[in-house]
């Protein structure tokens, strides 16, 4: 078994991108991720709070756009049989 050591920084929460590995498409590999500097409880709480705030802001933007939308359905929805023209 060959081993390759790569030290990198996580750029997005939960994502790790590895490039220029000595592997080809279809090769089977095993990846083990070691956290070099574990987060303190305060750091993790701050990250969680920031993530939750970002989610709440995204929900507010989505809701505002949904309420501002002029799209409205008219009339009753077709039945499943009407949609699929079953015989």
C-alpha atoms as a PDB file:
ATOM      1  CA  UNK A   1       0.000   0.000   0.000  1.00  0.00           C
ATOM      2  CA  UNK A   2       1.275   3.472  -0.907  1.00  0.00           C
ATOM      3  CA  UNK A   3       0.534   6.461   1.301  1.00  0.00           C
ATOM      4  CA  UNK A   4       0.327  10.137   0.371  1.00  0.00           C
ATOM      5  CA  UNK A   5       0.339  12.814   3.042  1.00  0.00           C
ATOM      6  CA  UNK A   6      -1.401  16.090   2.241  1.00  0.00           C
ATOM      7  CA  UNK A   7      -1.883  18.905   4.715  1.00  0.00           C
ATOM      8  CA  UNK A   8      -4.555  21.385   3.708  1.00  0.00           C
ATOM      9  CA  UNK A   9      -7.174  23.734   5.135  1.00  0.00           C
ATOM     10  CA  UNK A  10     -10.927  23.218   4.995  1.00  0.00           C
ATOM     11  CA  UNK A  11     -12.405  26.039   2.929  1.00  0.00           C
ATOM     12  CA  UNK A  12     -16.093  25.229   3.471  1.00  0.00           C
ATOM     13  CA  UNK A  13     -17.744  23.505   6.408  1.00  0.00           C
ATOM     14  CA  UNK A  14     -17.761  19.770   5.881  1.00  0.00           C
ATOM     15  CA  UNK A  15     -15.913  19.828   2.535  1.00  0.00           C
ATOM     16  CA  UNK A  16     -12.414  18.636   1.692  1.00  0.00           C
ATOM     17  CA  UNK A  17     -11.063  18.857  -1.850  1.00  0.00           C
ATOM     18  CA  UNK A  18      -7.948  16.893  -2.784  1.00  0.00           C
ATOM     19  CA  UNK A  19      -6.126  17.510  -6.057  1.00  0.00           C
ATOM     20  CA  UNK A  20      -3.066  16.155  -7.833  1.00  0.00           C
ATOM     21  CA  UNK A  21      -3.248  12.739  -6.220  1.00  0.00           C
ATOM     22  CA  UNK A  22      -1.217   9.931  -7.808  1.00  0.00           C
ATOM     23  CA  UNK A  23      -4.455   8.063  -8.626  1.00  0.00           C
ATOM     24  CA  UNK A  24      -6.398   7.303 -11.735  1.00  0.00           C
ATOM     25  CA  UNK A  25     -10.125   7.080 -12.302  1.00  0.00           C
ATOM     26  CA  UNK A  26     -11.419   3.813 -10.896  1.00  0.00           C
ATOM     27  CA  UNK A  27      -8.616   3.332  -8.350  1.00  0.00           C
ATOM     28  CA  UNK A  28      -9.861   2.322  -4.917  1.00  0.00           C
ATOM     29  CA  UNK A  29      -8.562   4.522  -2.099  1.00  0.00           C
ATOM     30  CA  UNK A  30      -9.078   4.989   1.624  1.00  0.00           C
ATOM     31  CA  UNK A  31      -9.016   8.458   3.160  1.00  0.00           C
ATOM     32  CA  UNK A  32      -8.429   9.221   6.826  1.00  0.00           C
ATOM     33  CA  UNK A  33      -8.845  12.812   7.992  1.00  0.00           C
ATOM     34  CA  UNK A  34      -6.958  13.897  11.099  1.00  0.00           C
ATOM     35  CA  UNK A  35      -7.908  17.204  12.717  1.00  0.00           C
ATOM     36  CA  UNK A  36      -4.653  18.971  13.524  1.00  0.00           C
ATOM     37  CA  UNK A  37      -6.088  21.630  15.811  1.00  0.00           C
ATOM     38  CA  UNK A  38      -9.371  20.543  17.381  1.00  0.00           C
ATOM     39  CA  UNK A  39     -11.902  23.292  17.959  1.00  0.00           C
ATOM     40  CA  UNK A  40     -12.578  24.448  21.475  1.00  0.00           C
ATOM     41  CA  UNK A  41     -16.196  24.358  22.687  1.00  0.00           C
ATOM     42  CA  UNK A  42     -16.306  28.160  22.366  1.00  0.00           C
ATOM     43  CA  UNK A  43     -15.048  28.042  18.770  1.00  0.00           C
ATOM     44  CA  UNK A  44     -17.534  25.323  17.848  1.00  0.00           C
ATOM     45  CA  UNK A  45     -20.390  27.282  19.493  1.00  0.00           C
ATOM     46  CA  UNK A  46     -19.397  30.408  17.554  1.00  0.00           C
ATOM     47  CA  UNK A  47     -19.302  28.454  14.280  1.00  0.00           C
ATOM     48  CA  UNK A  48     -22.679  26.870  15.002  1.00  0.00           C
ATOM     49  CA  UNK A  49     -24.203  30.262  15.848  1.00  0.00           C
ATOM     50  CA  UNK A  50     -22.834  31.792  12.640  1.00  0.00           C
ATOM     51  CA  UNK A  51     -24.172  28.873  10.587  1.00  0.00           C
ATOM     52  CA  UNK A  52     -27.607  29.151  12.210  1.00  0.00           C
ATOM     53  CA  UNK A  53     -27.697  32.915  11.581  1.00  0.00           C
ATOM     54  CA  UNK A  54     -26.782  32.368   7.927  1.00  0.00           C
ATOM     55  CA  UNK A  55     -29.587  29.791   7.631  1.00  0.00           C
ATOM     56  CA  UNK A  56     -32.113  32.196   9.179  1.00  0.00           C
ATOM     57  CA  UNK A  57     -31.034  34.995   6.816  1.00  0.00           C
ATOM     58  CA  UNK A  58     -31.324  32.659   3.821  1.00  0.00           C
ATOM     59  CA  UNK A  59     -34.823  31.630   4.934  1.00  0.00           C
ATOM     60  CA  UNK A  60     -35.845  35.300   5.251  1.00  0.00           C
ATOM     61  CA  UNK A  61     -34.542  36.034   1.719  1.00  0.00           C
ATOM     62  CA  UNK A  62     -36.352  32.981   0.345  1.00  0.00           C
ATOM     63  CA  UNK A  63     -39.603  33.891   2.114  1.00  0.00           C
ATOM     64  CA  UNK A  64     -39.429  37.487   0.886  1.00  0.00           C
ATOM     65  CA  UNK A  65     -38.933  36.328  -2.708  1.00  0.00           C
ATOM     66  CA  UNK A  66     -41.705  33.747  -2.429  1.00  0.00           C
ATOM     67  CA  UNK A  67     -44.172  36.324  -1.073  1.00  0.00           C
ATOM     68  CA  UNK A  68     -43.173  38.839  -3.772  1.00  0.00           C
ATOM     69  CA  UNK A  69     -43.708  36.282  -6.534  1.00  0.00           C
ATOM     70  CA  UNK A  70     -46.592  36.922  -8.882  1.00  0.00           C
ATOM     71  CA  UNK A  71     -46.960  33.241  -9.754  1.00  0.00           C
ATOM     72  CA  UNK A  72     -50.384  31.950  -8.827  1.00  0.00           C
ATOM     73  CA  UNK A  73     -52.138  28.760  -9.865  1.00  0.00           C
ATOM     74  CA  UNK A  74     -55.556  29.137 -11.424  1.00  0.00           C
ATOM     75  CA  UNK A  75     -58.259  26.519 -11.324  1.00  0.00           C
ATOM     76  CA  UNK A  76     -58.047  23.011  -9.931  1.00  0.00           C
ATOM     77  CA  UNK A  77     -54.976  20.861 -10.422  1.00  0.00           C
ATOM     78  CA  UNK A  78     -55.315  17.982 -12.911  1.00  0.00           C
ATOM     79  CA  UNK A  79     -55.730  14.507 -11.514  1.00  0.00           C
ATOM     80  CA  UNK A  80     -52.923  11.974 -11.717  1.00  0.00           C
ATOM     81  CA  UNK A  81     -54.750  10.084 -14.471  1.00  0.00           C
ATOM     82  CA  UNK A  82     -55.169  13.306 -16.462  1.00  0.00           C
ATOM     83  CA  UNK A  83     -51.457  14.065 -16.124  1.00  0.00           C
ATOM     84  CA  UNK A  84     -50.355  10.629 -17.287  1.00  0.00           C
ATOM     85  CA  UNK A  85     -53.182   9.934 -19.769  1.00  0.00           C
ATOM     86  CA  UNK A  86     -53.732   6.397 -18.561  1.00  0.00           C
ATOM     87  CA  UNK A  87     -56.039   4.054 -20.409  1.00  0.00           C
END
